[in-house]
Amino acid sequence: MLTVHHLNNSRSQRLLWLLEELEVPYEIKKYQRGADLLAPKELKQVHPLGLSPIITDGDVTLAESGAIIEYVIEKYGGSKAHPPESGKIHDLYFKHYVEGSLMPLLVNSLIFTIVPQRAPFIIRPLVRPIFNMLLAQMVTPRLKEHAKMIEDHLTKDSKQWLAGGTEPTASDFIMSFALESWATKDPEILGPNTKAYVKRIHERPAYQRGLEKGGEYAYGQPKL
């Protein structure tokens, strides 16, 4: 049986949603972040990099969300999770866009916020203005551009899903973590159609089942 090596508050939550949508039997092996918010060393026994998500499926051990999502849909999806012909390019684009362009900015935003909070107390008054400047000049303006692009895409033709079909596809599964974590941390940047899109994901019965099985998850109920 397929096993998801699942880390709390991580990208692996979107795999649980995918597997529930496809009704694929699977097992979960849970791992908890340490006080440093990093994955535990036990994950390195599964994959050399020790990062979640990882799946094992028979002789296959596979990491990286995009690769896993494509593998699962190809092997287990049947007629589900495939974009309409008119949406194939959109599906292809957003599958690669999220980890290649959007997530690095969101991670930088998180790091630039955390570092001043964790700096020694005596130097926080010096460190905080520097990181606030980095956020204001290097990260936030670019995130606003990304937010507008996503909002415009969802607005055109009143798209329910990124590929324009009636059901979620690979691009929706892989985009979900970025948008729901963004909606939890900084929702005012996101447009109304993007917020509605995140709500639509969270209202899916399959998403709710995955959330229940996955356990602790900080991004499942953003205040939109």
N, C-alpha and C. Protein backbone atom coordinates (compact mmCIF):
# COMPACT_ATOMS: atom_id res chain seq x y z
N MET A 1 0.84 -1.20 0.00
CA MET A 1 0.00 0.00 0.00
C MET A 1 0.87 1.25 0.00
N LEU A 2 0.40 2.28 -0.67
CA LEU A 2 1.11 3.54 -0.72
C LEU A 2 1.15 4.16 0.68
N THR A 3 2.31 4.66 1.06
CA THR A 3 2.50 5.30 2.36
C THR A 3 2.94 6.74 2.16
N VAL A 4 2.27 7.66 2.85
CA VAL A 4 2.67 9.06 2.86
C VAL A 4 3.44 9.32 4.15
N HIS A 5 4.67 9.77 4.00
CA HIS A 5 5.47 10.17 5.15
C HIS A 5 5.15 11.64 5.40
N HIS A 6 4.30 11.84 6.39
CA HIS A 6 3.58 13.11 6.55
C HIS A 6 4.14 13.91 7.72
N LEU A 7 4.59 15.13 7.41
CA LEU A 7 5.09 16.05 8.42
C LEU A 7 4.01 17.09 8.73
N ASN A 8 3.81 17.34 10.02
CA ASN A 8 2.79 18.33 10.38
C ASN A 8 3.13 19.70 9.81
N ASN A 9 2.09 20.45 9.48
CA ASN A 9 2.24 21.82 8.93
C ASN A 9 3.19 21.86 7.74
N SER A 10 2.95 20.99 6.78
CA SER A 10 3.87 20.93 5.64
C SER A 10 3.11 20.70 4.34
N ARG A 11 3.88 20.69 3.26
CA ARG A 11 3.33 20.48 1.93
C ARG A 11 2.67 19.11 1.78
N SER A 12 2.99 18.18 2.64
CA SER A 12 2.43 16.84 2.46
C SER A 12 0.91 16.81 2.68
N GLN A 13 0.34 17.85 3.29
CA GLN A 13 -1.11 17.87 3.48
C GLN A 13 -1.84 17.84 2.14
N ARG A 14 -1.27 18.48 1.13
CA ARG A 14 -1.94 18.51 -0.18
C ARG A 14 -1.98 17.13 -0.81
N LEU A 15 -1.04 16.26 -0.45
CA LEU A 15 -1.08 14.89 -0.98
C LEU A 15 -2.24 14.11 -0.38
N LEU A 16 -2.54 14.38 0.88
CA LEU A 16 -3.68 13.70 1.51
C LEU A 16 -4.98 14.12 0.82
N TRP A 17 -5.08 15.42 0.49
CA TRP A 17 -6.26 15.87 -0.27
C TRP A 17 -6.34 15.15 -1.61
N LEU A 18 -5.24 15.09 -2.33
CA LEU A 18 -5.21 14.40 -3.63
C LEU A 18 -5.64 12.95 -3.50
N LEU A 19 -5.07 12.23 -2.56
CA LEU A 19 -5.38 10.80 -2.41
C LEU A 19 -6.83 10.59 -2.01
N GLU A 20 -7.37 11.49 -1.20
CA GLU A 20 -8.78 11.38 -0.84
C GLU A 20 -9.68 11.66 -2.05
N GLU A 21 -9.30 12.64 -2.87
CA GLU A 21 -10.10 12.93 -4.07
C GLU A 21 -10.11 11.72 -5.01
N LEU A 22 -8.96 11.06 -5.13
CA LEU A 22 -8.86 9.92 -6.05
C LEU A 22 -9.34 8.62 -5.42
N GLU A 23 -9.64 8.66 -4.12
CA GLU A 23 -10.08 7.48 -3.38
C GLU A 23 -9.06 6.35 -3.45
N VAL A 24 -7.79 6.73 -3.29
CA VAL A 24 -6.69 5.76 -3.30
C VAL A 24 -6.43 5.30 -1.86
N PRO A 25 -6.40 4.00 -1.60
CA PRO A 25 -6.04 3.53 -0.26
C PRO A 25 -4.59 3.92 0.06
N TYR A 26 -4.36 4.38 1.27
CA TYR A 26 -3.01 4.77 1.65
C TYR A 26 -2.86 4.70 3.16
N GLU A 27 -1.63 4.67 3.59
CA GLU A 27 -1.30 4.73 5.00
C GLU A 27 -0.55 6.04 5.27
N ILE A 28 -0.60 6.51 6.49
CA ILE A 28 0.13 7.71 6.89
C ILE A 28 1.13 7.34 7.98
N LYS A 29 2.37 7.74 7.78
CA LYS A 29 3.36 7.67 8.84
C LYS A 29 3.67 9.11 9.22
N LYS A 30 3.36 9.47 10.46
CA LYS A 30 3.43 10.87 10.87
C LYS A 30 4.77 11.21 11.52
N TYR A 31 5.21 12.42 11.23
CA TYR A 31 6.44 12.97 11.81
C TYR A 31 6.11 14.36 12.34
N GLN A 32 6.78 14.76 13.42
CA GLN A 32 6.54 16.05 14.04
C GLN A 32 7.77 16.95 13.92
N ARG A 33 7.54 18.20 13.64
CA ARG A 33 8.62 19.17 13.62
C ARG A 33 9.19 19.35 15.03
N GLY A 34 10.48 19.66 15.09
CA GLY A 34 11.11 19.95 16.37
C GLY A 34 10.90 21.39 16.77
N ALA A 35 11.49 21.77 17.90
CA ALA A 35 11.38 23.15 18.37
C ALA A 35 11.97 24.14 17.37
N ASP A 36 12.90 23.65 16.54
CA ASP A 36 13.49 24.49 15.51
C ASP A 36 12.66 24.57 14.24
N LEU A 37 11.48 23.94 14.27
CA LEU A 37 10.52 23.89 13.16
C LEU A 37 10.99 23.02 11.99
N LEU A 38 12.12 22.34 12.14
CA LEU A 38 12.64 21.49 11.08
C LEU A 38 12.10 20.08 11.20
N ALA A 39 12.18 19.34 10.10
CA ALA A 39 11.74 17.95 10.09
C ALA A 39 12.69 17.10 10.95
N PRO A 40 12.20 16.05 11.57
CA PRO A 40 13.05 15.20 12.40
C PRO A 40 14.03 14.39 11.55
N LYS A 41 15.11 13.95 12.17
CA LYS A 41 16.14 13.20 11.45
C LYS A 41 15.63 11.85 10.93
N GLU A 42 14.57 11.34 11.53
CA GLU A 42 14.04 10.04 11.10
C GLU A 42 13.64 10.03 9.63
N LEU A 43 13.26 11.20 9.10
CA LEU A 43 12.87 11.25 7.69
C LEU A 43 14.03 10.95 6.76
N LYS A 44 15.27 11.15 7.23
CA LYS A 44 16.44 10.85 6.40
C LYS A 44 16.64 9.35 6.22
N GLN A 45 15.97 8.57 7.05
CA GLN A 45 16.00 7.13 6.86
C GLN A 45 15.12 6.70 5.70
N VAL A 46 14.23 7.60 5.29
CA VAL A 46 13.33 7.32 4.16
C VAL A 46 13.91 7.88 2.86
N HIS A 47 14.44 9.11 2.93
CA HIS A 47 15.02 9.78 1.77
C HIS A 47 16.22 10.59 2.25
N PRO A 48 17.31 10.62 1.48
CA PRO A 48 18.54 11.27 1.95
C PRO A 48 18.37 12.72 2.38
N LEU A 49 17.47 13.47 1.76
CA LEU A 49 17.30 14.87 2.13
C LEU A 49 16.43 15.07 3.37
N GLY A 50 15.66 14.06 3.72
CA GLY A 50 14.87 14.13 4.94
C GLY A 50 13.80 15.19 4.94
N LEU A 51 13.22 15.48 3.76
CA LEU A 51 12.20 16.50 3.66
C LEU A 51 10.86 15.88 3.29
N SER A 52 9.80 16.41 3.85
CA SER A 52 8.45 15.94 3.53
C SER A 52 7.84 16.86 2.48
N PRO A 53 7.05 16.34 1.53
CA PRO A 53 6.50 15.00 1.51
C PRO A 53 7.41 13.97 0.84
N ILE A 54 7.23 12.74 1.28
CA ILE A 54 7.83 11.57 0.65
C ILE A 54 6.75 10.50 0.62
N ILE A 55 6.71 9.75 -0.47
CA ILE A 55 5.84 8.57 -0.49
C ILE A 55 6.69 7.33 -0.75
N THR A 56 6.23 6.23 -0.24
CA THR A 56 6.76 4.93 -0.63
C THR A 56 5.58 4.13 -1.18
N ASP A 57 5.83 3.48 -2.31
CA ASP A 57 4.78 2.73 -3.00
C ASP A 57 5.43 1.49 -3.60
N GLY A 58 5.41 0.40 -2.86
CA GLY A 58 6.15 -0.78 -3.31
C GLY A 58 7.64 -0.49 -3.29
N ASP A 59 8.28 -0.68 -4.43
CA ASP A 59 9.72 -0.41 -4.53
C ASP A 59 10.04 1.05 -4.80
N VAL A 60 9.03 1.88 -4.95
CA VAL A 60 9.23 3.29 -5.29
C VAL A 60 9.30 4.13 -4.02
N THR A 61 10.35 4.94 -3.92
CA THR A 61 10.43 6.00 -2.91
C THR A 61 10.59 7.30 -3.66
N LEU A 62 9.66 8.21 -3.43
CA LEU A 62 9.63 9.43 -4.24
C LEU A 62 9.40 10.65 -3.37
N ALA A 63 10.23 11.67 -3.58
CA ALA A 63 10.09 12.95 -2.90
C ALA A 63 9.73 14.02 -3.93
N GLU A 64 9.49 15.23 -3.44
CA GLU A 64 9.10 16.40 -4.23
C GLU A 64 7.61 16.35 -4.59
N SER A 65 6.90 17.37 -4.13
CA SER A 65 5.44 17.39 -4.29
C SER A 65 5.00 17.24 -5.74
N GLY A 66 5.62 18.00 -6.64
CA GLY A 66 5.20 17.94 -8.04
C GLY A 66 5.37 16.57 -8.64
N ALA A 67 6.51 15.94 -8.36
CA ALA A 67 6.77 14.60 -8.88
C ALA A 67 5.77 13.60 -8.30
N ILE A 68 5.49 13.73 -7.01
CA ILE A 68 4.56 12.80 -6.36
C ILE A 68 3.16 12.96 -6.94
N ILE A 69 2.71 14.20 -7.08
CA ILE A 69 1.36 14.45 -7.60
C ILE A 69 1.22 13.89 -9.01
N GLU A 70 2.22 14.11 -9.86
CA GLU A 70 2.15 13.56 -11.22
C GLU A 70 2.16 12.03 -11.19
N TYR A 71 2.99 11.46 -10.35
CA TYR A 71 3.07 9.99 -10.24
C TYR A 71 1.74 9.41 -9.80
N VAL A 72 1.14 10.00 -8.76
CA VAL A 72 -0.11 9.46 -8.23
C VAL A 72 -1.24 9.58 -9.25
N ILE A 73 -1.34 10.73 -9.91
CA ILE A 73 -2.42 10.90 -10.90
C ILE A 73 -2.23 9.94 -12.07
N GLU A 74 -0.99 9.80 -12.54
CA GLU A 74 -0.74 8.91 -13.66
C GLU A 74 -1.05 7.46 -13.31
N LYS A 75 -0.68 7.04 -12.10
CA LYS A 75 -0.85 5.64 -11.74
C LYS A 75 -2.25 5.32 -11.23
N TYR A 76 -2.84 6.25 -10.46
CA TYR A 76 -4.08 5.94 -9.77
C TYR A 76 -5.27 6.82 -10.18
N GLY A 77 -5.03 7.83 -10.99
CA GLY A 77 -6.07 8.82 -11.24
C GLY A 77 -7.20 8.35 -12.13
N GLY A 78 -6.92 7.41 -13.03
CA GLY A 78 -7.95 7.00 -13.97
C GLY A 78 -8.41 8.20 -14.77
N SER A 79 -9.70 8.47 -14.74
CA SER A 79 -10.25 9.61 -15.48
C SER A 79 -10.29 10.89 -14.65
N LYS A 80 -9.84 10.81 -13.40
CA LYS A 80 -9.93 11.97 -12.51
C LYS A 80 -8.68 12.83 -12.58
N ALA A 81 -8.85 14.10 -12.20
CA ALA A 81 -7.75 15.06 -12.01
C ALA A 81 -7.03 15.44 -13.30
N HIS A 82 -7.65 15.22 -14.43
CA HIS A 82 -7.04 15.60 -15.70
C HIS A 82 -7.69 16.89 -16.21
N PRO A 83 -6.91 17.83 -16.71
CA PRO A 83 -7.48 19.10 -17.17
C PRO A 83 -8.21 18.93 -18.49
N PRO A 84 -9.17 19.82 -18.78
CA PRO A 84 -9.77 19.83 -20.11
C PRO A 84 -8.72 20.25 -21.13
N GLU A 85 -8.95 19.94 -22.37
CA GLU A 85 -7.98 20.27 -23.42
C GLU A 85 -7.63 21.75 -23.40
N SER A 86 -8.62 22.58 -23.17
CA SER A 86 -8.40 24.03 -23.18
C SER A 86 -7.58 24.51 -21.99
N GLY A 87 -7.43 23.66 -20.96
CA GLY A 87 -6.73 24.08 -19.76
C GLY A 87 -5.40 23.40 -19.53
N LYS A 88 -4.93 22.62 -20.49
CA LYS A 88 -3.70 21.86 -20.29
C LYS A 88 -2.48 22.76 -20.07
N ILE A 89 -2.40 23.86 -20.81
CA ILE A 89 -1.27 24.77 -20.65
C ILE A 89 -1.31 25.44 -19.28
N HIS A 90 -2.52 25.82 -18.84
CA HIS A 90 -2.64 26.42 -17.51
C HIS A 90 -2.22 25.42 -16.44
N ASP A 91 -2.65 24.18 -16.58
CA ASP A 91 -2.28 23.16 -15.60
C ASP A 91 -0.77 22.96 -15.57
N LEU A 92 -0.17 22.90 -16.75
CA LEU A 92 1.28 22.74 -16.84
C LEU A 92 2.00 23.91 -16.20
N TYR A 93 1.54 25.12 -16.49
CA TYR A 93 2.21 26.31 -15.97
C TYR A 93 2.16 26.36 -14.44
N PHE A 94 0.97 26.23 -13.87
CA PHE A 94 0.85 26.39 -12.42
C PHE A 94 1.50 25.25 -11.65
N LYS A 95 1.60 24.08 -12.25
CA LYS A 95 2.32 22.97 -11.59
C LYS A 95 3.77 23.35 -11.33
N HIS A 96 4.37 24.09 -12.25
CA HIS A 96 5.78 24.45 -12.11
C HIS A 96 5.97 25.83 -11.49
N TYR A 97 5.00 26.69 -11.68
CA TYR A 97 5.10 28.05 -11.16
C TYR A 97 5.19 28.09 -9.64
N VAL A 98 4.38 27.29 -8.98
CA VAL A 98 4.23 27.46 -7.53
C VAL A 98 5.53 27.23 -6.78
N GLU A 99 6.25 26.15 -7.09
CA GLU A 99 7.49 25.89 -6.38
C GLU A 99 8.66 26.67 -6.98
N GLY A 100 8.59 26.98 -8.27
CA GLY A 100 9.69 27.68 -8.90
C GLY A 100 9.69 29.18 -8.68
N SER A 101 8.50 29.79 -8.54
CA SER A 101 8.42 31.25 -8.45
C SER A 101 7.76 31.74 -7.16
N LEU A 102 6.62 31.17 -6.81
CA LEU A 102 5.86 31.70 -5.68
C LEU A 102 6.43 31.29 -4.32
N MET A 103 6.69 30.00 -4.14
CA MET A 103 7.12 29.54 -2.81
C MET A 103 8.43 30.16 -2.34
N PRO A 104 9.43 30.39 -3.22
CA PRO A 104 10.64 31.06 -2.72
C PRO A 104 10.35 32.43 -2.11
N LEU A 105 9.41 33.17 -2.69
CA LEU A 105 9.04 34.46 -2.12
C LEU A 105 8.33 34.30 -0.78
N LEU A 106 7.43 33.34 -0.69
CA LEU A 106 6.71 33.12 0.56
C LEU A 106 7.66 32.64 1.66
N VAL A 107 8.63 31.81 1.29
CA VAL A 107 9.62 31.35 2.27
C VAL A 107 10.48 32.52 2.73
N ASN A 108 10.90 33.38 1.80
CA ASN A 108 11.67 34.56 2.19
C ASN A 108 10.87 35.45 3.14
N SER A 109 9.59 35.62 2.86
CA SER A 109 8.74 36.41 3.72
C SER A 109 8.70 35.83 5.13
N LEU A 110 8.59 34.50 5.20
CA LEU A 110 8.56 33.84 6.50
C LEU A 110 9.88 34.01 7.24
N ILE A 111 10.99 33.79 6.54
CA ILE A 111 12.32 33.90 7.16
C ILE A 111 12.58 35.32 7.64
N PHE A 112 12.26 36.30 6.80
CA PHE A 112 12.52 37.69 7.17
C PHE A 112 11.65 38.13 8.36
N THR A 113 10.54 37.41 8.58
CA THR A 113 9.69 37.70 9.74
C THR A 113 10.21 37.01 10.99
N ILE A 114 10.68 35.77 10.83
CA ILE A 114 11.10 34.98 11.98
C ILE A 114 12.45 35.43 12.54
N VAL A 115 13.39 35.77 11.67
CA VAL A 115 14.75 36.09 12.14
C VAL A 115 14.75 37.20 13.20
N PRO A 116 14.07 38.33 13.01
CA PRO A 116 14.08 39.35 14.06
C PRO A 116 13.46 38.86 15.37
N GLN A 117 12.44 37.99 15.25
CA GLN A 117 11.79 37.48 16.45
C GLN A 117 12.71 36.58 17.26
N ARG A 118 13.64 35.90 16.57
CA ARG A 118 14.51 34.94 17.23
C ARG A 118 15.91 35.48 17.50
N ALA A 119 16.15 36.69 17.05
CA ALA A 119 17.46 37.30 17.32
C ALA A 119 17.61 37.55 18.82
N PRO A 120 18.84 37.54 19.34
CA PRO A 120 19.05 37.89 20.75
C PRO A 120 18.38 39.22 21.08
N PHE A 121 17.78 39.26 22.24
CA PHE A 121 16.96 40.41 22.63
C PHE A 121 17.69 41.74 22.46
N ILE A 122 18.96 41.74 22.81
CA ILE A 122 19.72 42.99 22.82
C ILE A 122 19.91 43.59 21.42
N ILE A 123 19.89 42.73 20.38
CA ILE A 123 20.12 43.27 19.04
C ILE A 123 18.84 43.35 18.20
N ARG A 124 17.70 42.95 18.77
CA ARG A 124 16.46 43.01 18.00
C ARG A 124 16.14 44.40 17.47
N PRO A 125 16.34 45.46 18.26
CA PRO A 125 16.05 46.81 17.72
C PRO A 125 16.89 47.17 16.50
N LEU A 126 18.05 46.52 16.35
CA LEU A 126 18.88 46.77 15.18
C LEU A 126 18.50 45.87 14.01
N VAL A 127 18.15 44.63 14.34
CA VAL A 127 17.88 43.64 13.29
C VAL A 127 16.51 43.87 12.65
N ARG A 128 15.51 44.19 13.45
CA ARG A 128 14.15 44.29 12.92
C ARG A 128 14.01 45.31 11.79
N PRO A 129 14.54 46.53 11.91
CA PRO A 129 14.40 47.49 10.79
C PRO A 129 15.05 47.00 9.50
N ILE A 130 16.14 46.25 9.62
CA ILE A 130 16.82 45.75 8.42
C ILE A 130 15.93 44.75 7.69
N PHE A 131 15.36 43.82 8.45
CA PHE A 131 14.53 42.80 7.81
C PHE A 131 13.19 43.37 7.36
N ASN A 132 12.68 44.35 8.08
CA ASN A 132 11.46 45.02 7.61
C ASN A 132 11.71 45.73 6.29
N MET A 133 12.90 46.32 6.13
CA MET A 133 13.25 46.98 4.88
C MET A 133 13.35 45.96 3.75
N LEU A 134 13.98 44.81 4.04
CA LEU A 134 14.08 43.76 3.02
C LEU A 134 12.70 43.30 2.57
N LEU A 135 11.80 43.13 3.54
CA LEU A 135 10.43 42.74 3.20
C LEU A 135 9.77 43.80 2.34
N ALA A 136 9.86 45.03 2.76
CA ALA A 136 9.16 46.13 2.08
C ALA A 136 9.69 46.38 0.67
N GLN A 137 10.99 46.19 0.47
CA GLN A 137 11.60 46.54 -0.81
C GLN A 137 11.77 45.36 -1.76
N MET A 138 11.99 44.15 -1.21
CA MET A 138 12.36 43.02 -2.05
C MET A 138 11.29 41.94 -2.16
N VAL A 139 10.42 41.83 -1.15
CA VAL A 139 9.49 40.70 -1.12
C VAL A 139 8.04 41.14 -1.36
N THR A 140 7.56 42.05 -0.54
CA THR A 140 6.14 42.41 -0.62
C THR A 140 5.71 42.94 -1.99
N PRO A 141 6.48 43.82 -2.64
CA PRO A 141 6.06 44.28 -3.98
C PRO A 141 5.93 43.14 -4.98
N ARG A 142 6.84 42.17 -4.90
CA ARG A 142 6.77 41.04 -5.83
C ARG A 142 5.59 40.13 -5.50
N LEU A 143 5.32 39.94 -4.22
CA LEU A 143 4.17 39.12 -3.84
C LEU A 143 2.87 39.76 -4.34
N LYS A 144 2.80 41.07 -4.31
CA LYS A 144 1.60 41.75 -4.82
C LYS A 144 1.42 41.50 -6.31
N GLU A 145 2.53 41.45 -7.05
CA GLU A 145 2.45 41.14 -8.48
C GLU A 145 1.93 39.72 -8.70
N HIS A 146 2.41 38.79 -7.90
CA HIS A 146 1.96 37.40 -8.02
C HIS A 146 0.49 37.29 -7.64
N ALA A 147 0.10 37.98 -6.57
CA ALA A 147 -1.30 37.93 -6.15
C ALA A 147 -2.22 38.44 -7.25
N LYS A 148 -1.82 39.51 -7.91
CA LYS A 148 -2.63 40.06 -9.00
C LYS A 148 -2.73 39.09 -10.16
N MET A 149 -1.61 38.44 -10.50
CA MET A 149 -1.65 37.49 -11.61
C MET A 149 -2.60 36.34 -11.32
N ILE A 150 -2.54 35.80 -10.11
CA ILE A 150 -3.42 34.69 -9.74
C ILE A 150 -4.87 35.14 -9.74
N GLU A 151 -5.12 36.31 -9.17
CA GLU A 151 -6.48 36.85 -9.12
C GLU A 151 -7.02 37.06 -10.54
N ASP A 152 -6.22 37.63 -11.41
CA ASP A 152 -6.67 37.86 -12.79
C ASP A 152 -6.97 36.55 -13.50
N HIS A 153 -6.15 35.54 -13.23
CA HIS A 153 -6.37 34.25 -13.88
C HIS A 153 -7.69 33.63 -13.43
N LEU A 154 -7.96 33.69 -12.14
CA LEU A 154 -9.20 33.10 -11.62
C LEU A 154 -10.42 33.92 -12.02
N THR A 155 -10.23 35.22 -12.23
CA THR A 155 -11.35 36.09 -12.62
C THR A 155 -11.77 35.84 -14.06
N LYS A 156 -10.78 35.60 -14.94
CA LYS A 156 -11.09 35.39 -16.36
C LYS A 156 -11.95 34.15 -16.53
N ASP A 157 -13.07 34.31 -17.16
CA ASP A 157 -14.03 33.21 -17.41
C ASP A 157 -14.57 32.61 -16.12
N SER A 158 -14.46 33.35 -15.00
CA SER A 158 -14.97 32.90 -13.69
C SER A 158 -14.51 31.47 -13.37
N LYS A 159 -13.21 31.26 -13.45
CA LYS A 159 -12.65 29.92 -13.24
C LYS A 159 -12.89 29.43 -11.82
N GLN A 160 -13.41 28.20 -11.71
CA GLN A 160 -13.52 27.55 -10.42
C GLN A 160 -12.20 26.91 -10.02
N TRP A 161 -11.48 26.40 -11.04
CA TRP A 161 -10.20 25.73 -10.81
C TRP A 161 -9.18 26.27 -11.80
N LEU A 162 -7.93 26.09 -11.51
CA LEU A 162 -6.87 26.75 -12.28
C LEU A 162 -6.86 26.36 -13.75
N ALA A 163 -7.18 25.11 -14.04
CA ALA A 163 -7.19 24.65 -15.43
C ALA A 163 -8.53 24.91 -16.12
N GLY A 164 -9.48 25.46 -15.37
CA GLY A 164 -10.74 25.85 -15.97
C GLY A 164 -11.79 24.77 -16.04
N GLY A 165 -11.54 23.59 -15.50
CA GLY A 165 -12.51 22.52 -15.53
C GLY A 165 -13.47 22.58 -14.36
N THR A 166 -14.21 21.50 -14.17
CA THR A 166 -15.20 21.43 -13.10
C THR A 166 -14.67 20.73 -11.85
N GLU A 167 -13.48 20.15 -11.94
CA GLU A 167 -12.88 19.45 -10.81
C GLU A 167 -11.41 19.86 -10.69
N PRO A 168 -10.83 19.76 -9.49
CA PRO A 168 -9.42 20.12 -9.33
C PRO A 168 -8.49 19.20 -10.11
N THR A 169 -7.37 19.76 -10.55
CA THR A 169 -6.35 19.00 -11.27
C THR A 169 -5.02 19.16 -10.55
N ALA A 170 -3.97 18.63 -11.14
CA ALA A 170 -2.65 18.64 -10.49
C ALA A 170 -2.25 20.04 -10.03
N SER A 171 -2.51 21.04 -10.85
CA SER A 171 -2.11 22.41 -10.49
C SER A 171 -2.82 22.89 -9.23
N ASP A 172 -4.07 22.49 -9.03
CA ASP A 172 -4.80 22.90 -7.83
C ASP A 172 -4.21 22.23 -6.59
N PHE A 173 -3.90 20.95 -6.70
CA PHE A 173 -3.34 20.25 -5.55
C PHE A 173 -2.01 20.86 -5.13
N ILE A 174 -1.17 21.16 -6.10
CA ILE A 174 0.15 21.67 -5.75
C ILE A 174 0.09 23.14 -5.32
N MET A 175 -0.87 23.90 -5.82
CA MET A 175 -1.00 25.31 -5.43
C MET A 175 -1.64 25.47 -4.06
N SER A 176 -2.34 24.46 -3.58
CA SER A 176 -3.16 24.64 -2.38
C SER A 176 -2.34 25.06 -1.17
N PHE A 177 -1.18 24.43 -0.94
CA PHE A 177 -0.40 24.75 0.26
C PHE A 177 0.08 26.19 0.23
N ALA A 178 0.58 26.63 -0.91
CA ALA A 178 1.09 28.00 -1.01
C ALA A 178 -0.01 29.01 -0.72
N LEU A 179 -1.18 28.81 -1.30
CA LEU A 179 -2.24 29.80 -1.15
C LEU A 179 -2.88 29.76 0.23
N GLU A 180 -3.05 28.58 0.81
CA GLU A 180 -3.68 28.56 2.13
C GLU A 180 -2.71 29.05 3.21
N SER A 181 -1.42 28.79 3.06
CA SER A 181 -0.46 29.34 4.02
C SER A 181 -0.37 30.86 3.87
N TRP A 182 -0.40 31.33 2.64
CA TRP A 182 -0.40 32.77 2.35
C TRP A 182 -1.67 33.41 2.92
N ALA A 183 -2.81 32.76 2.72
CA ALA A 183 -4.07 33.29 3.21
C ALA A 183 -4.12 33.34 4.73
N THR A 184 -3.38 32.46 5.39
CA THR A 184 -3.33 32.46 6.85
C THR A 184 -2.44 33.57 7.37
N LYS A 185 -1.32 33.80 6.70
CA LYS A 185 -0.32 34.77 7.18
C LYS A 185 -0.60 36.19 6.70
N ASP A 186 -1.03 36.36 5.47
CA ASP A 186 -1.10 37.69 4.87
C ASP A 186 -2.29 37.80 3.92
N PRO A 187 -3.51 37.59 4.41
CA PRO A 187 -4.67 37.49 3.51
C PRO A 187 -5.03 38.77 2.79
N GLU A 188 -4.62 39.94 3.34
CA GLU A 188 -5.05 41.19 2.72
C GLU A 188 -4.46 41.40 1.34
N ILE A 189 -3.38 40.70 1.01
CA ILE A 189 -2.79 40.84 -0.33
C ILE A 189 -3.64 40.11 -1.37
N LEU A 190 -4.33 39.07 -0.96
CA LEU A 190 -5.05 38.23 -1.91
C LEU A 190 -6.37 38.86 -2.32
N GLY A 191 -6.73 38.66 -3.59
CA GLY A 191 -7.98 39.18 -4.12
C GLY A 191 -9.17 38.32 -3.75
N PRO A 192 -10.40 38.81 -3.97
CA PRO A 192 -11.60 38.08 -3.56
C PRO A 192 -11.78 36.74 -4.25
N ASN A 193 -11.41 36.65 -5.53
CA ASN A 193 -11.56 35.38 -6.22
C ASN A 193 -10.55 34.35 -5.72
N THR A 194 -9.36 34.83 -5.33
CA THR A 194 -8.36 33.91 -4.78
C THR A 194 -8.79 33.40 -3.42
N LYS A 195 -9.35 34.28 -2.61
CA LYS A 195 -9.86 33.86 -1.30
C LYS A 195 -11.01 32.86 -1.46
N ALA A 196 -11.88 33.13 -2.43
CA ALA A 196 -12.98 32.20 -2.69
C ALA A 196 -12.45 30.85 -3.16
N TYR A 197 -11.37 30.88 -3.92
CA TYR A 197 -10.75 29.64 -4.41
C TYR A 197 -10.22 28.82 -3.24
N VAL A 198 -9.55 29.46 -2.29
CA VAL A 198 -9.05 28.74 -1.11
C VAL A 198 -10.21 28.16 -0.31
N LYS A 199 -11.27 28.94 -0.14
CA LYS A 199 -12.45 28.43 0.57
C LYS A 199 -13.04 27.22 -0.15
N ARG A 200 -13.06 27.28 -1.48
CA ARG A 200 -13.61 26.18 -2.27
C ARG A 200 -12.81 24.90 -2.03
N ILE A 201 -11.50 25.03 -1.95
CA ILE A 201 -10.65 23.87 -1.64
C ILE A 201 -11.02 23.30 -0.28
N HIS A 202 -11.12 24.18 0.71
CA HIS A 202 -11.35 23.72 2.08
C HIS A 202 -12.74 23.14 2.29
N GLU A 203 -13.65 23.48 1.41
CA GLU A 203 -15.01 22.94 1.53
C GLU A 203 -15.17 21.58 0.88
N ARG A 204 -14.16 21.13 0.16
CA ARG A 204 -14.25 19.82 -0.48
C ARG A 204 -14.30 18.72 0.58
N PRO A 205 -15.24 17.80 0.51
CA PRO A 205 -15.27 16.70 1.48
C PRO A 205 -13.95 15.92 1.52
N ALA A 206 -13.32 15.75 0.36
CA ALA A 206 -12.04 15.03 0.32
C ALA A 206 -10.97 15.79 1.08
N TYR A 207 -10.97 17.11 0.96
CA TYR A 207 -10.00 17.92 1.71
C TYR A 207 -10.23 17.75 3.21
N GLN A 208 -11.47 17.79 3.62
CA GLN A 208 -11.79 17.66 5.04
C GLN A 208 -11.38 16.28 5.58
N ARG A 209 -11.56 15.25 4.77
CA ARG A 209 -11.12 13.92 5.20
C ARG A 209 -9.61 13.87 5.37
N GLY A 210 -8.89 14.46 4.41
CA GLY A 210 -7.44 14.50 4.50
C GLY A 210 -6.97 15.28 5.72
N LEU A 211 -7.67 16.37 6.02
CA LEU A 211 -7.33 17.20 7.17
C LEU A 211 -7.53 16.41 8.46
N GLU A 212 -8.60 15.67 8.53
CA GLU A 212 -8.87 14.87 9.73
C GLU A 212 -7.82 13.78 9.92
N LYS A 213 -7.42 13.14 8.83
CA LYS A 213 -6.45 12.06 8.93
C LYS A 213 -5.04 12.58 9.18
N GLY A 214 -4.73 13.76 8.65
CA GLY A 214 -3.37 14.29 8.76
C GLY A 214 -3.04 14.84 10.13
N GLY A 215 -4.05 15.31 10.86
CA GLY A 215 -3.79 15.85 12.18
C GLY A 215 -3.39 17.32 12.14
N GLU A 216 -2.56 17.72 13.07
CA GLU A 216 -2.19 19.12 13.25
C GLU A 216 -1.82 19.79 11.93
N TYR A 217 -2.50 20.92 11.65
CA TYR A 217 -2.23 21.65 10.42
C TYR A 217 -2.64 23.10 10.62
N ALA A 218 -1.68 24.01 10.55
CA ALA A 218 -1.93 25.40 10.93
C ALA A 218 -2.67 26.20 9.86
N TYR A 219 -2.79 25.65 8.64
CA TYR A 219 -3.27 26.46 7.52
C TYR A 219 -4.64 26.00 7.00
N GLY A 220 -5.33 25.16 7.75
CA GLY A 220 -6.57 24.59 7.25
C GLY A 220 -7.78 25.48 7.44
N GLN A 221 -7.65 26.55 8.24
CA GLN A 221 -8.79 27.41 8.49
C GLN A 221 -8.38 28.88 8.53
N PRO A 222 -7.88 29.39 7.42
CA PRO A 222 -7.50 30.81 7.40
C PRO A 222 -8.75 31.68 7.54
N LYS A 223 -8.59 32.84 8.13
CA LYS A 223 -9.71 33.76 8.32
C LYS A 223 -9.86 34.62 7.07
N LEU A 224 -10.70 34.18 6.17
CA LEU A 224 -10.89 34.88 4.91
C LEU A 224 -12.21 35.65 4.91
